Protein backbone atom coordinates (compact mmCIF):
# COMPACT_ATOMS: atom_id res chain seq x y z
CA MET A 1 -6.81 74.05 -21.50
CA ARG A 2 -3.75 73.89 -23.69
CA THR A 3 -1.23 76.69 -23.71
CA THR A 4 -1.14 78.52 -27.01
CA VAL A 5 2.06 79.30 -28.85
CA GLY A 6 3.64 82.53 -27.68
CA THR A 7 2.41 82.42 -24.09
CA ALA A 8 4.51 81.31 -21.15
CA PRO A 9 4.14 77.57 -20.57
CA PRO A 10 2.72 76.61 -17.17
CA LYS A 11 5.22 75.46 -14.57
CA ALA A 12 3.20 72.26 -14.10
CA ASP A 13 4.09 71.22 -17.64
CA PHE A 14 7.80 71.35 -16.91
CA ASN A 15 7.19 69.40 -13.71
CA TRP A 16 5.45 66.64 -15.70
CA TYR A 17 8.22 66.79 -18.30
CA TRP A 18 10.83 66.55 -15.54
CA THR A 19 8.97 63.61 -13.94
CA SER A 20 8.76 61.76 -17.25
CA GLN A 21 12.43 62.34 -18.02
CA THR A 22 13.42 61.19 -14.53
CA ALA A 23 11.42 57.97 -14.93
CA SER A 24 13.01 57.44 -18.33
CA PHE A 25 16.49 57.95 -16.85
CA VAL A 26 15.74 55.42 -14.10
CA GLY A 27 14.54 52.90 -16.68
CA ASP A 28 17.74 53.42 -18.67
CA ARG A 29 19.92 52.81 -15.60
CA LEU A 30 17.97 49.77 -14.37
CA THR A 31 17.93 48.00 -17.72
CA GLY A 32 21.44 49.20 -18.52
CA PHE A 33 22.72 47.41 -15.43
CA ALA A 34 20.43 44.37 -15.57
CA VAL A 35 21.09 43.32 -19.18
CA PRO A 36 24.92 43.17 -19.06
CA SER A 37 24.74 41.60 -15.59
CA ILE A 38 22.51 38.85 -16.98
CA ALA A 39 24.95 38.41 -19.87
CA ILE A 40 27.98 38.14 -17.55
CA LEU A 41 26.56 36.24 -14.57
CA THR A 42 23.88 34.06 -16.20
CA LEU A 43 24.94 33.59 -19.83
CA ASN A 44 28.75 33.72 -19.22
CA ALA A 45 29.45 36.35 -21.88
CA THR A 46 33.04 36.99 -22.95
CA SER A 47 34.74 40.38 -22.77
CA ALA A 48 34.20 40.89 -26.50
CA GLN A 49 30.50 39.99 -26.22
CA VAL A 50 30.04 42.45 -23.36
CA GLY A 51 31.72 45.14 -25.50
CA ILE A 52 29.37 44.39 -28.40
CA LEU A 53 26.36 44.45 -26.08
CA SER A 54 27.45 47.84 -24.74
CA ALA A 55 27.96 49.17 -28.25
CA ILE A 56 24.89 47.89 -30.06
CA GLY A 57 22.44 50.01 -28.12
CA TRP A 58 24.19 53.12 -29.43
CA LEU A 59 24.38 52.07 -33.08
CA ALA A 60 20.98 53.59 -33.79
CA TYR A 61 22.49 57.07 -33.46
CA PRO A 62 24.92 56.92 -36.40
CA THR A 63 22.40 54.99 -38.52
CA LEU A 64 19.14 56.77 -37.68
CA GLY A 65 19.96 59.88 -35.64
CA LEU A 66 19.94 62.40 -38.48
CA VAL A 67 16.90 60.78 -40.10
CA ALA A 68 15.04 60.94 -36.79
CA GLY A 69 15.86 64.63 -36.42
CA ALA A 70 14.61 65.41 -39.92
CA ALA A 71 11.45 63.36 -39.42
CA LEU A 72 10.65 65.03 -36.10
CA VAL A 73 10.37 68.40 -37.84
CA HIS A 74 6.82 67.49 -38.88
CA LEU A 75 5.93 64.85 -36.24
CA PRO A 76 4.26 65.56 -32.88
CA ARG A 77 7.20 65.17 -30.52
CA ARG A 78 5.18 64.46 -27.38
CA ARG A 79 3.42 61.58 -29.10
CA VAL A 80 6.74 60.27 -30.39
CA MET A 81 8.16 60.25 -26.86
CA ILE A 82 5.13 58.36 -25.51
CA THR A 83 5.30 55.77 -28.29
CA GLY A 84 9.03 55.29 -27.80
CA GLU A 85 8.70 54.69 -24.06
CA LEU A 86 5.96 52.09 -24.61
CA ALA A 87 8.13 50.37 -27.22
CA ARG A 88 11.08 50.16 -24.83
CA PHE A 89 8.97 48.57 -22.10
CA THR A 90 7.57 46.00 -24.54
CA LEU A 91 10.99 45.08 -25.91
CA PHE A 92 12.63 44.48 -22.54
CA ALA A 93 9.56 42.53 -21.36
CA THR A 94 10.17 39.96 -24.12
CA ILE A 95 13.36 38.75 -22.40
CA PRO A 96 11.62 37.40 -19.26
CA LEU A 97 8.91 35.88 -21.48
CA ALA A 98 11.58 34.10 -23.55
CA ALA A 99 13.28 32.93 -20.35
CA ILE A 100 10.10 31.06 -19.35
CA ALA A 101 10.46 28.97 -22.51
CA GLY A 102 14.23 28.67 -22.05
CA TRP A 103 15.04 30.67 -25.18
CA THR A 104 17.15 33.46 -23.72
CA THR A 105 20.52 33.79 -25.47
CA ILE A 106 23.17 36.44 -26.11
CA PRO A 107 21.83 37.04 -29.67
CA GLN A 108 18.37 37.75 -28.26
CA LEU A 109 19.82 40.29 -25.82
CA LEU A 110 21.65 41.94 -28.71
CA ILE A 111 18.45 42.19 -30.80
CA VAL A 112 16.39 43.62 -27.94
CA VAL A 113 19.04 46.16 -26.97
CA ALA A 114 19.47 47.23 -30.62
CA LEU A 115 15.73 47.78 -31.15
CA ALA A 116 15.40 49.56 -27.81
CA GLY A 117 18.25 51.79 -28.98
CA VAL A 118 16.16 52.84 -31.99
CA ALA A 119 13.30 53.85 -29.71
CA THR A 120 15.77 55.68 -27.45
CA VAL A 121 17.01 57.79 -30.36
CA PHE A 122 13.52 59.10 -31.09
CA VAL A 123 12.70 59.66 -27.40
CA ASP A 124 16.02 61.42 -26.81
CA ILE A 125 15.94 63.77 -29.79
CA ALA A 126 12.24 64.53 -29.38
CA GLY A 127 12.81 65.33 -25.70
CA GLN A 128 15.79 67.62 -26.41
CA SER A 129 13.87 69.62 -29.01
CA TYR A 130 10.66 69.66 -26.94
CA LEU A 131 12.22 71.23 -23.83
CA PRO A 132 12.48 74.77 -25.34
CA VAL A 133 8.72 74.55 -25.96
CA VAL A 134 8.02 73.79 -22.29
CA VAL A 135 10.35 76.38 -20.70
CA PRO A 136 11.24 79.95 -21.74
CA PRO A 137 14.75 80.64 -23.12
CA GLY A 138 15.98 82.31 -19.94
CA ALA A 139 15.22 79.18 -17.91
CA LEU A 140 17.06 76.64 -20.08
CA VAL A 141 20.19 76.42 -17.91
CA SER A 142 18.12 75.90 -14.77
CA ALA A 143 15.89 73.34 -16.50
CA ASN A 144 18.84 71.42 -17.90
CA ALA A 145 20.54 71.49 -14.51
CA ASN A 146 17.40 69.95 -12.97
CA LEU A 147 17.31 67.28 -15.65
CA GLN A 148 21.01 66.57 -15.22
CA SER A 149 20.45 66.23 -11.47
CA SER A 150 17.76 63.65 -12.17
CA ASP A 151 20.06 61.85 -14.58
CA SER A 152 22.83 61.76 -11.98
CA LEU A 153 20.38 60.66 -9.28
CA SER A 154 19.18 57.84 -11.53
CA LYS A 155 22.80 56.72 -11.91
CA LEU A 156 23.03 56.63 -8.12
CA ILE A 157 19.77 54.80 -7.50
CA GLY A 158 19.42 52.72 -10.66
CA PRO A 159 22.40 50.34 -10.47
CA ALA A 160 21.94 49.74 -6.73
CA LEU A 161 18.24 49.08 -7.17
CA ALA A 162 18.87 46.81 -10.17
CA GLY A 163 21.46 44.87 -8.17
CA LEU A 164 18.93 44.46 -5.35
CA PHE A 165 16.30 43.25 -7.81
CA LEU A 166 18.76 40.72 -9.21
CA LYS A 167 19.58 39.39 -5.74
CA LEU A 168 15.98 39.18 -4.48
CA THR A 169 13.97 38.18 -7.56
CA GLY A 170 16.40 36.58 -9.97
CA PRO A 171 17.71 37.87 -13.31
CA TYR A 172 14.60 37.85 -15.49
CA THR A 173 11.97 39.05 -13.03
CA SER A 174 14.35 41.84 -12.10
CA LEU A 175 14.56 42.89 -15.75
CA LEU A 176 10.76 43.10 -15.99
CA LEU A 177 10.71 45.31 -12.89
CA SER A 178 13.52 47.39 -14.36
CA ALA A 179 11.42 48.17 -17.45
CA LEU A 180 8.41 49.50 -15.51
CA PRO A 181 9.72 53.10 -15.29
CA PHE A 182 9.26 53.39 -19.07
CA LEU A 183 5.50 52.98 -18.51
CA THR A 184 5.62 55.69 -15.83
CA SER A 185 7.43 57.99 -18.25
CA ALA A 186 4.85 57.44 -20.98
CA LEU A 187 1.98 58.19 -18.60
CA SER A 188 3.64 61.35 -17.28
CA ARG A 189 4.17 62.69 -20.80
CA THR A 190 0.44 62.43 -21.48
CA ARG A 191 -0.14 65.07 -18.77
CA ILE A 192 1.88 67.79 -20.51
CA GLN A 193 -0.54 70.39 -21.89
CA THR A 194 1.74 72.86 -23.69
CA ARG A 195 1.04 72.75 -27.39
CA GLU A 196 3.98 72.52 -29.78
CA PRO A 197 4.43 75.17 -32.49
CA SER A 198 2.30 73.90 -35.33
CA THR A 199 4.01 72.73 -38.49
CA HIS A 200 0.70 72.63 -40.37
CA SER A 201 -0.71 76.09 -39.87
CA THR A 202 -1.54 78.06 -42.96
CA HIS A 203 -1.29 81.55 -41.45
CA HIS A 204 1.55 83.07 -39.49
CA GLN A 205 1.52 86.05 -37.21
CA ILE A 206 4.67 88.16 -37.23
CA PRO A 207 5.03 89.74 -33.79
CA ALA A 208 6.80 92.94 -33.03
CA PRO A 209 10.36 92.30 -31.85
CA ALA A 210 10.65 92.08 -28.08
CA PRO A 211 13.81 92.10 -26.01
CA THR A 212 14.83 88.64 -24.88
CA PRO A 213 16.74 87.83 -21.68
CA ALA A 214 20.48 88.21 -21.90
CA PRO A 215 22.36 84.96 -22.42
CA GLN A 216 23.24 83.23 -19.17
CA PHE A 217 26.62 82.05 -20.36
CA GLN A 218 29.54 84.21 -19.34
CA GLY A 219 32.04 84.35 -22.14
CA LEU A 220 29.34 83.86 -24.77
CA THR A 221 28.70 87.47 -25.69
CA PRO A 222 26.27 88.30 -28.50
CA GLU A 223 29.19 89.08 -30.76
CA ILE A 224 30.79 85.70 -30.03
CA VAL A 225 27.52 83.82 -30.32
CA GLY A 226 26.93 85.42 -33.67
CA CYS A 227 30.25 84.60 -35.32
CA HIS A 228 29.86 82.42 -38.37
CA PRO A 229 33.09 81.51 -40.15
CA GLY A 230 33.05 82.06 -43.82
CA THR A 231 30.33 84.69 -43.95
CA ALA A 232 32.52 87.74 -43.59
CA GLY A 233 34.05 87.43 -47.00
CA GLY A 234 32.13 89.59 -49.45
CA ASN A 235 29.98 91.00 -46.65
CA PRO A 236 30.98 94.55 -45.76
CA GLN A 237 29.76 94.14 -42.21
CA GLY A 238 31.02 90.58 -41.85
CA GLU A 239 27.57 89.52 -40.67
CA GLY A 240 26.15 86.11 -41.46
CA LEU A 241 23.12 84.18 -40.41
CA THR A 242 24.15 83.65 -36.81
CA THR A 243 25.16 87.28 -36.33
CA GLN A 244 21.67 88.30 -37.36
CA MET A 245 20.20 85.80 -34.92
CA ALA A 246 22.31 87.27 -32.14
CA LYS A 247 21.07 90.73 -33.01
CA VAL A 248 17.47 89.60 -32.94
CA GLY A 249 18.13 88.03 -29.52
CA ARG A 250 19.43 91.41 -28.28
CA GLY A 251 16.39 93.18 -29.63
CA ASP A 252 18.49 95.75 -31.54
CA THR A 253 17.65 94.61 -35.05
CA PRO A 254 14.56 95.89 -36.88
CA PRO A 255 12.18 93.23 -38.13
CA ARG A 256 13.20 93.95 -41.69
CA GLU A 257 16.70 93.25 -42.94
CA ARG A 258 17.50 94.22 -46.52
CA SER A 259 20.98 93.30 -47.71
CA GLU A 260 23.01 95.42 -50.00
CA ALA A 261 24.00 94.33 -53.47
CA GLY A 262 26.68 91.75 -53.25
CA ASP A 263 26.02 90.97 -49.57
CA THR A 264 26.41 87.23 -49.27
CA GLY A 265 25.44 87.02 -45.64
CA HIS A 266 21.87 85.89 -46.40
CA GLY A 267 22.37 84.88 -50.02
CA ALA A 268 22.58 87.18 -53.06
CA THR A 269 20.51 90.36 -52.81
CA SER A 270 17.86 89.00 -50.47
CA ALA A 271 15.21 90.91 -48.59
CA ILE A 272 14.29 89.18 -45.39
CA ALA A 273 11.84 89.94 -42.61
CA ARG A 274 13.07 88.39 -39.40
CA ALA A 275 11.18 87.63 -36.22
CA PRO A 276 12.57 86.54 -32.86
CA GLY A 277 13.31 82.83 -32.86
CA SER A 278 12.88 82.36 -36.58
CA ALA A 279 15.39 80.59 -38.75
CA ILE A 280 16.03 81.46 -42.37
CA GLU A 281 18.09 79.00 -44.28
CA PRO A 282 19.90 80.31 -47.35
CA CYS A 283 19.48 78.40 -50.58
CA GLU A 284 22.39 77.37 -52.69
CA ALA A 285 23.78 79.94 -55.06
CA GLY A 286 21.35 80.73 -57.80
CA GLN A 287 18.29 79.35 -56.03
CA PRO A 288 15.55 81.92 -55.72
CA GLY A 289 13.77 80.24 -52.80
CA LEU A 290 15.38 81.71 -49.67
CA GLY A 291 18.59 83.00 -51.16
CA ALA A 292 18.87 84.86 -54.46
CA THR A 293 16.51 87.79 -54.91
CA SER A 294 13.88 86.58 -52.49
CA ALA A 295 11.67 88.35 -49.99
CA ILE A 296 10.61 86.20 -47.09
CA ALA A 297 8.65 86.90 -43.94
CA ARG A 298 9.21 84.41 -41.16
CA ALA A 299 7.39 83.77 -37.91
CA PRO A 300 8.57 82.06 -34.74
CA GLY A 301 8.39 78.29 -35.01
CA SER A 302 7.96 78.14 -38.76
CA ALA A 303 10.15 75.84 -40.78
CA LEU A 304 10.38 76.94 -44.36
CA GLU A 305 12.60 74.77 -46.47
CA PRO A 306 15.00 76.08 -49.13
CA CYS A 307 13.49 75.93 -52.58
CA GLU A 308 14.90 73.75 -55.27
CA ALA A 309 16.72 75.38 -58.14
CA GLY A 310 14.27 76.87 -60.56
CA GLN A 311 11.41 77.06 -58.08
CA PRO A 312 9.98 80.49 -57.31
CA GLY A 313 10.45 81.91 -53.89
CA LEU A 314 7.76 82.92 -51.44
CA GLY A 315 6.72 86.21 -52.90
CA ALA A 316 10.12 86.62 -54.51
CA THR A 317 11.19 87.71 -57.93
CA SER A 318 10.97 84.58 -60.06
CA PRO A 319 11.16 83.62 -63.70
CA GLU A 320 7.42 83.04 -63.62
CA THR A 321 6.33 86.29 -62.01
CA GLY A 322 9.12 88.75 -62.59
CA GLY A 323 8.94 92.22 -61.14
CA THR A 324 10.05 93.57 -57.83
CA PRO A 325 9.65 91.74 -54.55
CA PRO A 326 6.55 92.98 -52.75
CA ALA A 327 6.71 95.06 -49.64
CA LEU A 328 7.20 93.03 -46.50
CA PRO A 329 4.44 92.96 -43.88
CA LEU A 330 4.95 94.91 -40.71
CA PRO A 331 5.17 93.24 -37.32
CA GLY A 332 1.76 92.26 -36.01
CA THR A 333 0.23 91.77 -39.47
CA GLN A 334 -0.89 88.43 -40.81
CA LEU A 335 0.48 86.75 -43.88
CA PRO A 336 -2.34 85.70 -46.19
CA ALA A 337 -2.49 81.93 -46.63
CA LEU A 338 1.24 81.36 -46.39
CA ALA A 339 1.61 77.59 -46.10
CA ASP A 340 4.44 76.06 -44.15
CA ALA A 341 6.81 73.96 -46.17
CA THR A 342 6.20 71.12 -43.73
CA SER A 343 2.47 71.15 -44.41
CA SER A 344 2.92 69.91 -47.95
CA PRO A 345 3.36 66.26 -48.87
CA ALA A 346 6.76 67.13 -50.34
CA ALA A 347 8.01 67.98 -46.83
CA ALA A 348 8.00 64.30 -45.93
CA SER A 349 9.81 63.24 -49.10
CA PRO A 350 13.32 61.79 -48.91
CA GLN A 351 14.65 64.86 -50.70
CA ALA A 352 13.15 67.22 -48.12
CA MET A 353 14.46 65.12 -45.23
CA LEU A 354 17.94 65.04 -46.74
CA ARG A 355 17.78 68.79 -47.18
CA ARG A 356 16.89 69.27 -43.51
CA ILE A 357 19.73 66.95 -42.51
CA ARG A 358 22.16 69.05 -44.56
CA VAL A 359 20.84 72.23 -42.95
CA GLY A 360 21.37 70.81 -39.45
CA LEU A 361 24.87 69.58 -40.26
CA ARG A 362 25.84 72.86 -41.86
CA PHE A 363 24.47 74.89 -38.96
CA VAL A 364 26.51 72.93 -36.41
CA MET A 365 29.72 72.50 -38.37
CA ASP A 366 29.83 76.12 -39.59
CA HIS A 367 29.14 77.53 -36.13
CA ALA A 368 32.27 78.70 -34.31
CA VAL A 369 30.77 77.92 -30.88
CA LEU A 370 28.82 74.71 -31.49
CA ARG A 371 31.41 72.92 -33.64
CA PRO A 372 34.18 72.59 -30.99
CA LEU A 373 31.62 71.65 -28.34
CA VAL A 374 30.20 68.83 -30.47
CA ILE A 375 33.68 67.56 -31.33
CA GLY A 376 34.65 67.64 -27.66
CA ALA A 377 31.49 65.77 -26.69
CA ALA A 378 32.30 63.09 -29.28
CA ILE A 379 35.78 62.61 -27.78
CA ARG A 380 34.32 62.42 -24.27
CA SER A 381 31.72 59.86 -25.40
CA PHE A 382 34.42 57.63 -26.90
CA GLY A 383 36.35 57.56 -23.62
CA THR A 384 33.20 57.01 -21.58
CA GLY A 385 32.24 54.11 -23.87
CA MET A 386 35.58 52.42 -23.16
CA VAL A 387 35.16 52.80 -19.39
CA ASP A 388 31.55 51.63 -19.28
CA ALA A 389 32.25 48.55 -21.42
CA VAL A 390 34.69 47.00 -18.93
CA LEU A 391 33.68 48.47 -15.57
CA LEU A 392 31.26 45.66 -14.66
CA LEU A 393 33.72 43.06 -15.90
CA PHE A 394 36.30 44.57 -13.55
CA ALA A 395 33.82 44.58 -10.65
CA TYR A 396 32.66 40.98 -11.14
CA ARG A 397 35.76 39.17 -12.34
CA VAL A 398 38.61 41.12 -10.75
CA LEU A 399 37.04 42.33 -7.50
CA GLY A 400 34.74 39.30 -7.19
CA LEU A 401 31.68 41.35 -6.24
CA SER A 402 28.09 40.10 -6.25
CA SER A 403 25.39 41.76 -8.35
CA LEU A 404 24.23 43.81 -5.35
CA GLN A 405 27.78 44.87 -4.47
CA GLY A 406 28.48 45.68 -8.10
CA GLY A 407 25.36 47.84 -8.25
CA LEU A 408 26.37 49.69 -5.10
CA LEU A 409 29.88 50.21 -6.46
CA ILE A 410 28.62 51.65 -9.73
CA ALA A 411 26.04 53.76 -7.92
CA ALA A 412 28.64 55.21 -5.54
CA GLY A 413 30.31 56.97 -8.43
CA SER A 414 27.07 58.78 -9.20
CA ILE A 415 27.43 60.81 -6.01
CA GLY A 416 29.99 62.82 -7.93
CA GLY A 417 27.53 63.23 -10.77
CA LEU A 418 24.96 64.75 -8.43
CA LEU A 419 27.57 67.16 -7.06
CA GLY A 420 28.49 68.17 -10.60
CA ALA A 421 24.89 68.74 -11.67
CA PHE A 422 24.21 70.95 -8.65
CA ALA A 423 27.49 72.85 -9.08
CA ALA A 424 27.30 73.52 -12.85
CA ASN A 425 25.21 76.69 -12.71
CA ARG A 426 27.20 78.12 -9.79
CA LEU A 427 30.51 77.44 -11.51
CA VAL A 428 29.37 79.21 -14.68
CA ASP A 429 28.18 82.22 -12.66
CA ARG A 430 31.44 82.40 -10.72
CA ILE A 431 34.22 81.66 -13.23
CA GLY A 432 32.50 81.73 -16.63
CA THR A 433 31.67 79.14 -19.26
CA GLN A 434 35.10 78.51 -20.75
CA ARG A 435 36.93 78.06 -17.45
CA THR A 436 34.19 75.72 -16.23
CA LEU A 437 34.52 73.61 -19.36
CA TRP A 438 38.28 73.47 -18.85
CA LEU A 439 37.77 72.18 -15.31
CA THR A 440 35.91 69.16 -16.68
CA GLY A 441 39.27 67.88 -17.94
CA LEU A 442 40.01 66.82 -14.36
CA GLU A 443 38.01 63.68 -15.10
CA GLY A 444 41.02 62.26 -16.95
CA VAL A 445 43.41 63.17 -14.15
CA PHE A 446 41.45 61.12 -11.62
CA TRP A 447 41.27 58.08 -13.89
CA LEU A 448 45.07 58.07 -14.06
CA ALA A 449 45.00 56.84 -10.46
CA ILE A 450 43.21 53.59 -11.39
CA PRO A 451 46.44 51.49 -11.27
CA LEU A 452 46.35 51.98 -7.48
CA CYS A 453 43.58 49.35 -7.51
CA LEU A 454 46.31 46.75 -8.16
CA LEU A 455 48.23 47.76 -5.02
CA PHE A 456 45.74 47.98 -2.15
CA ALA A 457 42.01 48.18 -1.26
CA PRO A 458 40.83 47.96 -4.89
CA ALA A 459 37.13 48.45 -4.13
CA ILE A 460 37.74 51.55 -1.99
CA VAL A 461 40.17 53.08 -4.52
CA LEU A 462 37.70 52.50 -7.35
CA VAL A 463 34.86 54.14 -5.40
CA VAL A 464 36.98 57.23 -4.69
CA ILE A 465 38.07 57.51 -8.33
CA ARG A 466 34.52 57.06 -9.57
CA VAL A 467 33.16 59.75 -7.26
CA CYS A 468 35.88 62.29 -8.13
CA ALA A 469 35.85 61.61 -11.89
CA SER A 470 32.06 61.58 -12.19
CA ILE A 471 31.68 65.19 -11.06
CA TRP A 472 32.71 66.62 -14.39
CA SER A 473 30.61 64.92 -17.05
CA PRO A 474 27.31 66.45 -15.79
CA VAL A 475 28.95 69.89 -15.72
CA TRP A 476 29.98 69.47 -19.35
CA ASN A 477 26.51 68.22 -20.32
CA VAL A 478 24.60 71.04 -18.63
CA ILE A 479 26.69 73.75 -20.29
CA THR A 480 26.92 72.30 -23.79
CA THR A 481 23.24 71.35 -23.96
CA SER A 482 22.10 74.76 -22.73
CA VAL A 483 24.37 76.60 -25.16
CA ARG A 484 23.11 74.49 -28.06
CA GLN A 485 19.45 75.02 -27.17
CA ASP A 486 19.99 78.75 -26.69
CA LEU A 487 21.76 79.27 -30.02
CA THR A 488 19.47 77.09 -32.13
CA PRO A 489 16.39 78.69 -33.77
CA VAL A 490 13.04 77.07 -33.04
CA ALA A 491 12.63 75.67 -36.54
CA LEU A 492 16.02 73.93 -36.39
CA GLN A 493 15.81 72.45 -32.89
CA SER A 494 15.11 68.87 -34.04
CA THR A 495 17.70 68.73 -36.81
CA VAL A 496 20.45 70.49 -34.83
CA HIS A 497 19.94 68.35 -31.74
CA ALA A 498 19.84 65.25 -33.96
CA THR A 499 23.13 66.31 -35.54
CA ALA A 500 24.80 66.90 -32.18
CA ARG A 501 23.42 63.72 -30.64
CA THR A 502 24.36 61.66 -33.68
CA VAL A 503 27.94 62.91 -33.79
CA THR A 504 28.53 62.55 -30.06
CA SER A 505 26.66 59.28 -29.56
CA SER A 506 28.19 57.60 -32.60
CA THR A 507 31.52 57.43 -30.79
CA VAL A 508 30.07 55.55 -27.80
CA PRO A 509 29.82 52.20 -29.63
CA LEU A 510 33.30 52.75 -31.06
CA GLY A 511 34.62 53.27 -27.54
CA ALA A 512 32.67 50.29 -26.19
CA LEU A 513 33.94 47.98 -28.92
CA THR A 514 37.49 49.27 -28.43
CA GLY A 515 37.26 48.79 -24.67
CA GLY A 516 35.73 45.31 -24.90
CA PHE A 517 38.18 43.92 -27.43
CA ALA A 518 41.17 45.69 -25.86
CA GLY A 519 40.20 44.27 -22.48
CA GLY A 520 40.19 40.77 -23.93
CA VAL A 521 43.51 41.14 -25.77
CA LEU A 522 45.33 42.91 -22.92
CA GLY A 523 43.86 40.45 -20.43
CA ASP A 524 45.42 37.58 -22.37
CA GLN A 525 48.78 39.35 -22.55
CA LEU A 526 49.02 41.06 -19.14
CA GLY A 527 46.43 39.26 -17.05
CA THR A 528 42.78 40.19 -16.53
CA SER A 529 43.44 42.67 -13.71
CA ALA A 530 46.21 44.64 -15.44
CA GLY A 531 44.47 44.55 -18.81
CA LEU A 532 41.16 45.95 -17.54
CA VAL A 533 42.91 48.59 -15.40
CA LEU A 534 44.82 49.79 -18.45
CA VAL A 535 41.59 50.06 -20.47
CA LEU A 536 39.88 52.01 -17.67
CA ALA A 537 42.79 54.46 -17.36
CA THR A 538 43.01 55.01 -21.12
CA GLY A 539 39.27 55.57 -21.51
CA GLY A 540 39.17 58.02 -18.60
CA VAL A 541 42.10 60.05 -19.96
CA ILE A 542 40.47 60.25 -23.41
CA ALA A 543 37.24 61.50 -21.83
CA GLY A 544 39.11 64.22 -19.94
CA ALA A 545 41.06 65.20 -23.06
CA SER A 546 37.80 66.37 -24.68
CA VAL A 547 38.50 69.88 -23.35
CA LEU A 548 41.33 70.19 -25.86
CA SER A 549 38.70 70.72 -28.57
CA ILE A 550 37.97 74.19 -27.16
CA GLY A 551 41.58 75.01 -26.30
CA ARG A 552 42.37 77.14 -29.35
CA THR A 553 39.27 79.26 -29.42
CA SER A 554 38.31 82.16 -27.18
CA GLN A 555 34.77 82.11 -28.52
CA VAL A 556 33.35 79.71 -25.92
């Protein structure tokens, strides 16, 4: 029996979700190690080619990330995740098949990785926006910590296991084995029974407001969460959209909000009925849809789109109807035949998708809490892309390690990731969100020690640096993802997560290309060892410097 919207999802559903995500993480790590290893050890790829290979899998985010988020508003996310996992398995399986005919080349690897990256975008964004459906809001930090633990564990097991596969079965059979977890992930996702909030229902129930659990993030008070730059001007109370959301979360706001004349917080002279978890998007000035002189009743999970200029609102005063906006329904009453905007054919039009993209971008970039976190994540991703692009080159060509030894070396650093994932929640409880985020800057400090690899025991020094530096990225990820999910209304989950993922992931290929080409140029000038060490140190310092994005605000 499927769980209906509004009831607590069964714990078994999160367990299946967790299992599927863990299998997906393992597949990512196995194929992520096997493909560049095949390129370096079998196809003799250059430093620049390895950088391009590392970058191309991430190019789908800047090109398709926002489109995917807008499209997922009216697509079944569980089905999208299943389809994406099956596509990834099929794509990676073509490489061993081509090897049988002797057709495997660097261009083929690039094509497969690029197409698999497209599937990854849809699986990733769908999974991020689906999690709040499977777990209640108060459990998001715990759920994300569990997922981050699985991600860190996959980084520990995946490279070592992929290296073992390479040694025992050869490059191409090992890649086929490495793709099998994607099938496991797809199967596990079919067992999830929680039903997503429908985007095609024609009636909405407006529940009475109920208190929601207090935010779990110390330092993110309701007042801070609700700040929305630019909305105070012209608003006597200085309250904008996000302030109203914070009030609803506290349970101290009545279900009806009627703005005074001249209040620009929700658009000009609007009358809005709010429900917990709903998201009302203001129209541009002069649009009657959800902004000027409109009366709108919203329900949790609905996704009404702003009306175009000249279109009447939903029960609002309009040029066609005139008159006074009707009385708003009380909590617990049903709206008669109110169709979701996403149920109409126009919701899938390019114009509607572009409008949703703009809403997601505006929500993130206008939000005083989310904006610096997204910018910081983008900086961290750039530095991480530089490090990841040359780390295997350093292991194989400077340290002279085998594929199995290289896998073990990469995996050893993931011990720190596991420690960070387990410690994230405890650190937030003990010292607060902002101080914990500041601590993640230690990642850059540890990477500054990488030149010691040129002096003595390079393999041992690299393992120690990897372990110590890897603690902090999971801590950052757990906090920023949980904050974003907690502050984002249900109807905006897909577009907001797509915006954040697109911005942060778009810098990974830039970092990978920079690292790959810089490694080649510096290697020619300074020698391979010194050149790659310099790239690793620079990338690590950039990743740690991401905390500077939150340095001037006390609102995190």
